[in-house]
């Protein structure tokens, strides 16, 4: 993740993504895609009851990701409020609002994406492959339940069908509810979900 390299000026009306040093736009978006996103984004209502949810990875108002996979490293984010927590059939799903990175999706205590920097992963994983193919018409996404890669795929006019297969319906359902900027691609007419 480019958590320290990229600062996003975000709102629910979609603004621009800037680097700290240059203040130049770095995000790939066509006018048509921005228009589609603006017309489909809505922020989920905040409820006072949501603040009562707790999670073992959040202590003293800070989310902590510590793993033996990355010795000597830890990731912490300041938590404004826990939005949702559930144990799905497959994994622990946590969504919280951070002070600087917006909504954060965490699966089994590992950050999957944040609103602030998700574009860096989603765009790269999608567009490198899409532009390498001369005429992509049918695209399969395995995993990707937050919808970000799918959102980027349907920006390509040659795509006639984009199929997403994710094992965990909870990730898709919760992303649609709490991560509208990422999950907006699910609404595209060429998308099928299995």
C-alpha atoms as a PDB file:
ATOM      1  CA  UNK A   1       0.000   0.000   0.000  1.00  0.00           C
ATOM      2  CA  UNK A   2       1.111   3.531  -0.614  1.00  0.00           C
ATOM      3  CA  UNK A   3      -0.248   4.768   2.688  1.00  0.00           C
ATOM      4  CA  UNK A   4       2.602   7.218   3.291  1.00  0.00           C
ATOM      5  CA  UNK A   5       3.150   8.272  -0.322  1.00  0.00           C
ATOM      6  CA  UNK A   6      -0.306   9.340  -1.342  1.00  0.00           C
ATOM      7  CA  UNK A   7      -2.674  11.822   0.222  1.00  0.00           C
ATOM      8  CA  UNK A   8      -6.227  11.776  -1.028  1.00  0.00           C
ATOM      9  CA  UNK A   9      -8.549  14.717  -0.825  1.00  0.00           C
ATOM     10  CA  UNK A  10     -11.800  12.829  -0.693  1.00  0.00           C
ATOM     11  CA  UNK A  11     -15.433  13.592  -0.429  1.00  0.00           C
ATOM     12  CA  UNK A  12     -18.476  11.677  -1.470  1.00  0.00           C
ATOM     13  CA  UNK A  13     -18.603  13.816  -4.617  1.00  0.00           C
ATOM     14  CA  UNK A  14     -15.237  12.380  -5.790  1.00  0.00           C
ATOM     15  CA  UNK A  15     -12.550  14.985  -6.064  1.00  0.00           C
ATOM     16  CA  UNK A  16      -8.957  14.246  -7.045  1.00  0.00           C
ATOM     17  CA  UNK A  17      -6.068  12.230  -5.717  1.00  0.00           C
ATOM     18  CA  UNK A  18      -2.779  14.071  -5.275  1.00  0.00           C
ATOM     19  CA  UNK A  19       0.785  13.257  -4.359  1.00  0.00           C
ATOM     20  CA  UNK A  20       2.054  15.293  -1.431  1.00  0.00           C
ATOM     21  CA  UNK A  21       5.092  16.560  -3.289  1.00  0.00           C
ATOM     22  CA  UNK A  22       3.606  17.658  -6.603  1.00  0.00           C
ATOM     23  CA  UNK A  23      -0.105  18.166  -5.967  1.00  0.00           C
ATOM     24  CA  UNK A  24      -0.716  16.746  -9.448  1.00  0.00           C
ATOM     25  CA  UNK A  25      -3.579  14.346 -10.171  1.00  0.00           C
ATOM     26  CA  UNK A  26      -2.299  10.764 -10.196  1.00  0.00           C
ATOM     27  CA  UNK A  27      -5.499   8.775 -10.472  1.00  0.00           C
ATOM     28  CA  UNK A  28      -6.719   7.254 -13.770  1.00  0.00           C
ATOM     29  CA  UNK A  29     -10.326   8.285 -14.407  1.00  0.00           C
ATOM     30  CA  UNK A  30     -12.167   9.030 -17.612  1.00  0.00           C
ATOM     31  CA  UNK A  31     -14.890  11.693 -17.651  1.00  0.00           C
ATOM     32  CA  UNK A  32     -17.492   9.007 -18.342  1.00  0.00           C
ATOM     33  CA  UNK A  33     -16.381   6.972 -15.341  1.00  0.00           C
ATOM     34  CA  UNK A  34     -16.350   9.999 -13.041  1.00  0.00           C
ATOM     35  CA  UNK A  35     -19.849  10.898 -14.155  1.00  0.00           C
ATOM     36  CA  UNK A  36     -21.015   7.319 -13.481  1.00  0.00           C
ATOM     37  CA  UNK A  37     -19.427   7.372 -10.015  1.00  0.00           C
ATOM     38  CA  UNK A  38     -20.900  10.757  -9.083  1.00  0.00           C
ATOM     39  CA  UNK A  39     -24.372   9.585 -10.034  1.00  0.00           C
ATOM     40  CA  UNK A  40     -24.150   6.377  -7.984  1.00  0.00           C
ATOM     41  CA  UNK A  41     -22.299   7.328  -4.793  1.00  0.00           C
ATOM     42  CA  UNK A  42     -24.134   7.724  -1.513  1.00  0.00           C
ATOM     43  CA  UNK A  43     -22.582   7.685   1.926  1.00  0.00           C
ATOM     44  CA  UNK A  44     -24.127   5.207   4.358  1.00  0.00           C
ATOM     45  CA  UNK A  45     -25.816   6.884   7.321  1.00  0.00           C
ATOM     46  CA  UNK A  46     -23.842   6.948  10.553  1.00  0.00           C
ATOM     47  CA  UNK A  47     -25.719   5.671  13.568  1.00  0.00           C
ATOM     48  CA  UNK A  48     -24.853   6.243  17.204  1.00  0.00           C
ATOM     49  CA  UNK A  49     -25.334   2.537  17.895  1.00  0.00           C
ATOM     50  CA  UNK A  50     -22.436   1.722  15.561  1.00  0.00           C
ATOM     51  CA  UNK A  51     -19.969   3.246  18.018  1.00  0.00           C
ATOM     52  CA  UNK A  52     -20.738   0.457  20.525  1.00  0.00           C
ATOM     53  CA  UNK A  53     -19.161  -2.264  18.353  1.00  0.00           C
ATOM     54  CA  UNK A  54     -15.751  -3.481  19.550  1.00  0.00           C
ATOM     55  CA  UNK A  55     -12.963  -5.534  17.985  1.00  0.00           C
ATOM     56  CA  UNK A  56      -9.826  -7.145  19.476  1.00  0.00           C
ATOM     57  CA  UNK A  57      -7.482  -5.414  16.984  1.00  0.00           C
ATOM     58  CA  UNK A  58      -8.604  -1.966  18.199  1.00  0.00           C
ATOM     59  CA  UNK A  59      -7.073  -0.735  21.438  1.00  0.00           C
ATOM     60  CA  UNK A  60      -7.168   2.806  22.798  1.00  0.00           C
ATOM     61  CA  UNK A  61      -8.792   4.016  19.571  1.00  0.00           C
ATOM     62  CA  UNK A  62      -6.113   2.555  17.280  1.00  0.00           C
ATOM     63  CA  UNK A  63      -6.366  -0.394  14.882  1.00  0.00           C
ATOM     64  CA  UNK A  64      -3.196  -2.497  14.972  1.00  0.00           C
ATOM     65  CA  UNK A  65      -2.132  -4.941  12.283  1.00  0.00           C
ATOM     66  CA  UNK A  66       0.809  -7.032  13.442  1.00  0.00           C
ATOM     67  CA  UNK A  67       1.782 -10.240  11.649  1.00  0.00           C
ATOM     68  CA  UNK A  68       4.590 -12.780  11.758  1.00  0.00           C
ATOM     69  CA  UNK A  69       4.593 -12.539   7.952  1.00  0.00           C
ATOM     70  CA  UNK A  70       6.196  -9.068   8.238  1.00  0.00           C
ATOM     71  CA  UNK A  71       8.650  -9.183  11.160  1.00  0.00           C
ATOM     72  CA  UNK A  72       9.653  -5.815  12.502  1.00  0.00           C
ATOM     73  CA  UNK A  73       6.660  -4.065  10.941  1.00  0.00           C
ATOM     74  CA  UNK A  74       3.260  -2.987  12.197  1.00  0.00           C
ATOM     75  CA  UNK A  75       0.469  -0.910  10.718  1.00  0.00           C
ATOM     76  CA  UNK A  76      -1.694   1.311  12.895  1.00  0.00           C
ATOM     77  CA  UNK A  77      -4.602   3.566  11.988  1.00  0.00           C
ATOM     78  CA  UNK A  78      -6.574   5.928  14.225  1.00  0.00           C
ATOM     79  CA  UNK A  79     -10.190   4.740  14.424  1.00  0.00           C
ATOM     80  CA  UNK A  80     -13.044   7.256  14.416  1.00  0.00           C
ATOM     81  CA  UNK A  81     -15.676   4.553  14.742  1.00  0.00           C
ATOM     82  CA  UNK A  82     -16.255   0.900  14.048  1.00  0.00           C
ATOM     83  CA  UNK A  83     -18.912   0.709  11.359  1.00  0.00           C
ATOM     84  CA  UNK A  84     -19.507  -3.039  11.114  1.00  0.00           C
ATOM     85  CA  UNK A  85     -18.097  -6.305  12.404  1.00  0.00           C
ATOM     86  CA  UNK A  86     -19.204  -9.847  11.671  1.00  0.00           C
ATOM     87  CA  UNK A  87     -17.801 -13.324  11.427  1.00  0.00           C
ATOM     88  CA  UNK A  88     -18.845 -14.654   8.047  1.00  0.00           C
ATOM     89  CA  UNK A  89     -18.768 -18.305   7.074  1.00  0.00           C
ATOM     90  CA  UNK A  90     -15.158 -17.820   5.910  1.00  0.00           C
ATOM     91  CA  UNK A  91     -13.521 -14.963   7.811  1.00  0.00           C
ATOM     92  CA  UNK A  92     -13.685 -12.122  10.298  1.00  0.00           C
ATOM     93  CA  UNK A  93     -14.937  -8.993   8.488  1.00  0.00           C
ATOM     94  CA  UNK A  94     -14.363  -5.557  10.006  1.00  0.00           C
ATOM     95  CA  UNK A  95     -15.161  -2.157   8.525  1.00  0.00           C
ATOM     96  CA  UNK A  96     -14.142   0.972  10.386  1.00  0.00           C
ATOM     97  CA  UNK A  97     -13.812   4.661   9.646  1.00  0.00           C
ATOM     98  CA  UNK A  98     -10.279   5.934  10.212  1.00  0.00           C
ATOM     99  CA  UNK A  99      -9.302   9.517  10.897  1.00  0.00           C
ATOM    100  CA  UNK A 100      -7.143   9.881   7.764  1.00  0.00           C
ATOM    101  CA  UNK A 101      -7.876   6.965   5.421  1.00  0.00           C
ATOM    102  CA  UNK A 102     -11.680   6.949   5.317  1.00  0.00           C
ATOM    103  CA  UNK A 103     -13.435   3.604   5.418  1.00  0.00           C
ATOM    104  CA  UNK A 104     -11.147   0.600   5.939  1.00  0.00           C
ATOM    105  CA  UNK A 105     -11.953  -3.027   5.056  1.00  0.00           C
ATOM    106  CA  UNK A 106     -10.178  -5.616   7.231  1.00  0.00           C
ATOM    107  CA  UNK A 107     -10.394  -9.388   6.669  1.00  0.00           C
ATOM    108  CA  UNK A 108      -9.015 -11.719   9.339  1.00  0.00           C
ATOM    109  CA  UNK A 109      -7.246  -8.763  10.979  1.00  0.00           C
ATOM    110  CA  UNK A 110      -5.403  -7.767   7.765  1.00  0.00           C
ATOM    111  CA  UNK A 111      -6.170  -4.483   5.997  1.00  0.00           C
ATOM    112  CA  UNK A 112      -7.483  -5.171   2.501  1.00  0.00           C
ATOM    113  CA  UNK A 113      -8.116  -1.611   1.358  1.00  0.00           C
ATOM    114  CA  UNK A 114      -8.751   1.941   2.483  1.00  0.00           C
ATOM    115  CA  UNK A 115     -10.724   4.607   0.669  1.00  0.00           C
ATOM    116  CA  UNK A 116      -7.726   6.909   0.614  1.00  0.00           C
ATOM    117  CA  UNK A 117      -5.322   4.716  -1.327  1.00  0.00           C
ATOM    118  CA  UNK A 118      -7.311   1.825  -2.805  1.00  0.00           C
ATOM    119  CA  UNK A 119      -6.990   3.259  -6.304  1.00  0.00           C
ATOM    120  CA  UNK A 120      -3.245   2.545  -6.339  1.00  0.00           C
ATOM    121  CA  UNK A 121      -3.845  -1.189  -6.018  1.00  0.00           C
ATOM    122  CA  UNK A 122      -7.122  -1.479  -7.944  1.00  0.00           C
ATOM    123  CA  UNK A 123      -5.963   0.509 -10.983  1.00  0.00           C
ATOM    124  CA  UNK A 124      -2.604  -1.212 -11.224  1.00  0.00           C
ATOM    125  CA  UNK A 125      -3.927  -4.760 -10.938  1.00  0.00           C
ATOM    126  CA  UNK A 126      -6.618  -4.017 -13.527  1.00  0.00           C
ATOM    127  CA  UNK A 127      -5.145  -1.720 -16.144  1.00  0.00           C
ATOM    128  CA  UNK A 128      -1.781  -3.447 -16.601  1.00  0.00           C
ATOM    129  CA  UNK A 129      -3.539  -6.613 -17.725  1.00  0.00           C
ATOM    130  CA  UNK A 130      -6.325  -4.858 -19.591  1.00  0.00           C
ATOM    131  CA  UNK A 131      -3.965  -2.707 -21.665  1.00  0.00           C
ATOM    132  CA  UNK A 132      -1.687  -5.697 -22.331  1.00  0.00           C
ATOM    133  CA  UNK A 133      -4.576  -7.493 -24.062  1.00  0.00           C
ATOM    134  CA  UNK A 134      -5.425  -6.237 -27.577  1.00  0.00           C
ATOM    135  CA  UNK A 135      -9.217  -6.421 -27.151  1.00  0.00           C
ATOM    136  CA  UNK A 136     -10.499  -7.715 -23.799  1.00  0.00           C
ATOM    137  CA  UNK A 137     -14.162  -8.673 -24.090  1.00  0.00           C
ATOM    138  CA  UNK A 138     -14.757 -11.136 -21.236  1.00  0.00           C
ATOM    139  CA  UNK A 139     -12.997 -10.710 -17.906  1.00  0.00           C
ATOM    140  CA  UNK A 140     -13.026 -12.936 -14.821  1.00  0.00           C
ATOM    141  CA  UNK A 141     -12.185 -11.527 -11.389  1.00  0.00           C
ATOM    142  CA  UNK A 142     -11.505 -14.140  -8.702  1.00  0.00           C
ATOM    143  CA  UNK A 143     -11.890 -12.610  -5.262  1.00  0.00           C
ATOM    144  CA  UNK A 144     -12.107  -8.838  -5.285  1.00  0.00           C
ATOM    145  CA  UNK A 145     -15.354  -8.670  -3.319  1.00  0.00           C
ATOM    146  CA  UNK A 146     -14.828  -4.990  -2.492  1.00  0.00           C
ATOM    147  CA  UNK A 147     -15.546  -4.280  -6.182  1.00  0.00           C
ATOM    148  CA  UNK A 148     -12.617  -1.936  -6.847  1.00  0.00           C
ATOM    149  CA  UNK A 149     -10.980  -4.031  -9.574  1.00  0.00           C
ATOM    150  CA  UNK A 150     -14.388  -4.606 -11.139  1.00  0.00           C
ATOM    151  CA  UNK A 151     -15.003  -0.838 -11.136  1.00  0.00           C
ATOM    152  CA  UNK A 152     -11.787  -0.340 -13.088  1.00  0.00           C
ATOM    153  CA  UNK A 153     -12.467  -3.189 -15.550  1.00  0.00           C
ATOM    154  CA  UNK A 154     -15.817  -1.781 -16.677  1.00  0.00           C
ATOM    155  CA  UNK A 155     -14.115   1.496 -17.592  1.00  0.00           C
ATOM    156  CA  UNK A 156     -12.774  -0.313 -20.660  1.00  0.00           C
ATOM    157  CA  UNK A 157     -15.302   0.038 -23.469  1.00  0.00           C
ATOM    158  CA  UNK A 158     -14.286  -3.254 -25.110  1.00  0.00           C
ATOM    159  CA  UNK A 159     -15.518  -5.263 -22.092  1.00  0.00           C
ATOM    160  CA  UNK A 160     -18.795  -6.994 -22.905  1.00  0.00           C
ATOM    161  CA  UNK A 161     -18.917  -9.105 -19.750  1.00  0.00           C
ATOM    162  CA  UNK A 162     -17.135  -8.910 -16.405  1.00  0.00           C
ATOM    163  CA  UNK A 163     -17.706 -11.818 -14.021  1.00  0.00           C
ATOM    164  CA  UNK A 164     -16.708 -11.630 -10.363  1.00  0.00           C
ATOM    165  CA  UNK A 165     -16.458 -14.786  -8.228  1.00  0.00           C
ATOM    166  CA  UNK A 166     -15.853 -14.266  -4.524  1.00  0.00           C
ATOM    167  CA  UNK A 167     -16.222 -17.023  -1.963  1.00  0.00           C
ATOM    168  CA  UNK A 168     -17.592 -14.684   0.711  1.00  0.00           C
ATOM    169  CA  UNK A 169     -20.919 -13.004   0.024  1.00  0.00           C
ATOM    170  CA  UNK A 170     -20.454 -10.943   3.198  1.00  0.00           C
ATOM    171  CA  UNK A 171     -17.556  -9.004   1.657  1.00  0.00           C
ATOM    172  CA  UNK A 172     -19.651  -8.147  -1.408  1.00  0.00           C
ATOM    173  CA  UNK A 173     -22.739  -7.243   0.647  1.00  0.00           C
ATOM    174  CA  UNK A 174     -20.820  -5.054   3.104  1.00  0.00           C
ATOM    175  CA  UNK A 175     -18.750  -3.379   0.392  1.00  0.00           C
ATOM    176  CA  UNK A 176     -21.940  -2.408  -1.427  1.00  0.00           C
ATOM    177  CA  UNK A 177     -23.283  -0.919   1.798  1.00  0.00           C
ATOM    178  CA  UNK A 178     -20.206   0.803   3.250  1.00  0.00           C
ATOM    179  CA  UNK A 179     -17.692   1.218   0.386  1.00  0.00           C
ATOM    180  CA  UNK A 180     -19.784   2.778  -2.406  1.00  0.00           C
ATOM    181  CA  UNK A 181     -16.804   4.313  -4.201  1.00  0.00           C
ATOM    182  CA  UNK A 182     -15.242   0.894  -4.671  1.00  0.00           C
ATOM    183  CA  UNK A 183     -18.364  -1.196  -5.143  1.00  0.00           C
ATOM    184  CA  UNK A 184     -20.036   1.047  -7.722  1.00  0.00           C
ATOM    185  CA  UNK A 185     -18.898  -1.340 -10.472  1.00  0.00           C
ATOM    186  CA  UNK A 186     -21.390  -3.953  -9.253  1.00  0.00           C
ATOM    187  CA  UNK A 187     -24.151  -1.752 -10.710  1.00  0.00           C
ATOM    188  CA  UNK A 188     -22.723  -1.830 -14.241  1.00  0.00           C
ATOM    189  CA  UNK A 189     -24.977  -3.697 -16.714  1.00  0.00           C
ATOM    190  CA  UNK A 190     -22.097  -5.863 -18.027  1.00  0.00           C
ATOM    191  CA  UNK A 191     -21.289  -7.269 -14.575  1.00  0.00           C
ATOM    192  CA  UNK A 192     -22.255 -10.701 -13.241  1.00  0.00           C
ATOM    193  CA  UNK A 193     -21.507 -11.903  -9.713  1.00  0.00           C
ATOM    194  CA  UNK A 194     -21.225 -15.557  -8.660  1.00  0.00           C
END
